[in-house]
Amino acid sequence: MTPDGKQMLKNFIQGGNDHD
């Protein structure tokens, strides 16, 4: 997995509110 994808997945797991 690319670092970018891993960061996105991490944000999603933590809540992903910055994509709201």
N, C-alpha and C. Protein backbone atom coordinates (compact mmCIF):
# COMPACT_ATOMS: atom_id res chain seq x y z
N MET A 1 0.85 -1.21 0.00
CA MET A 1 0.00 0.00 0.00
C MET A 1 0.88 1.26 0.00
N THR A 2 0.50 2.24 -0.77
CA THR A 2 1.24 3.50 -0.82
C THR A 2 1.07 4.29 0.47
N PRO A 3 2.06 5.11 0.86
CA PRO A 3 1.96 5.94 2.07
C PRO A 3 0.70 6.81 2.05
N ASP A 4 0.33 7.30 0.87
CA ASP A 4 -0.85 8.15 0.72
C ASP A 4 -2.13 7.38 1.07
N GLY A 5 -2.21 6.17 0.53
CA GLY A 5 -3.36 5.32 0.81
C GLY A 5 -3.43 4.92 2.27
N LYS A 6 -2.24 4.66 2.86
CA LYS A 6 -2.18 4.29 4.28
C LYS A 6 -2.65 5.45 5.15
N GLN A 7 -2.26 6.67 4.81
CA GLN A 7 -2.68 7.86 5.55
C GLN A 7 -4.20 8.05 5.44
N MET A 8 -4.72 7.83 4.24
CA MET A 8 -6.16 7.97 4.02
C MET A 8 -6.92 6.94 4.86
N LEU A 9 -6.41 5.70 4.86
CA LEU A 9 -7.04 4.65 5.64
C LEU A 9 -6.98 4.96 7.13
N LYS A 10 -5.83 5.49 7.57
CA LYS A 10 -5.65 5.85 8.97
C LYS A 10 -6.65 6.95 9.37
N ASN A 11 -6.82 7.95 8.51
CA ASN A 11 -7.77 9.03 8.77
C ASN A 11 -9.20 8.49 8.84
N PHE A 12 -9.50 7.52 7.95
CA PHE A 12 -10.82 6.92 7.93
C PHE A 12 -11.11 6.17 9.23
N ILE A 13 -10.12 5.42 9.70
CA ILE A 13 -10.25 4.66 10.95
C ILE A 13 -10.43 5.61 12.14
N GLN A 14 -9.70 6.73 12.12
CA GLN A 14 -9.77 7.68 13.23
C GLN A 14 -11.03 8.54 13.20
N GLY A 15 -11.77 8.50 12.12
CA GLY A 15 -13.01 9.26 12.02
C GLY A 15 -13.21 9.87 10.64
N GLY A 16 -12.13 10.33 10.02
CA GLY A 16 -12.19 10.90 8.68
C GLY A 16 -13.00 12.18 8.60
N ASN A 17 -13.10 12.93 9.70
CA ASN A 17 -13.92 14.12 9.73
C ASN A 17 -13.38 15.24 8.83
N ASP A 18 -12.08 15.20 8.48
CA ASP A 18 -11.55 16.23 7.62
C ASP A 18 -11.97 16.03 6.16
N HIS A 19 -12.68 14.94 5.86
CA HIS A 19 -13.27 14.73 4.54
C HIS A 19 -14.77 15.04 4.55
N ASP A 20 -15.27 15.52 5.66
CA ASP A 20 -16.70 15.76 5.81
C ASP A 20 -17.14 16.97 4.99
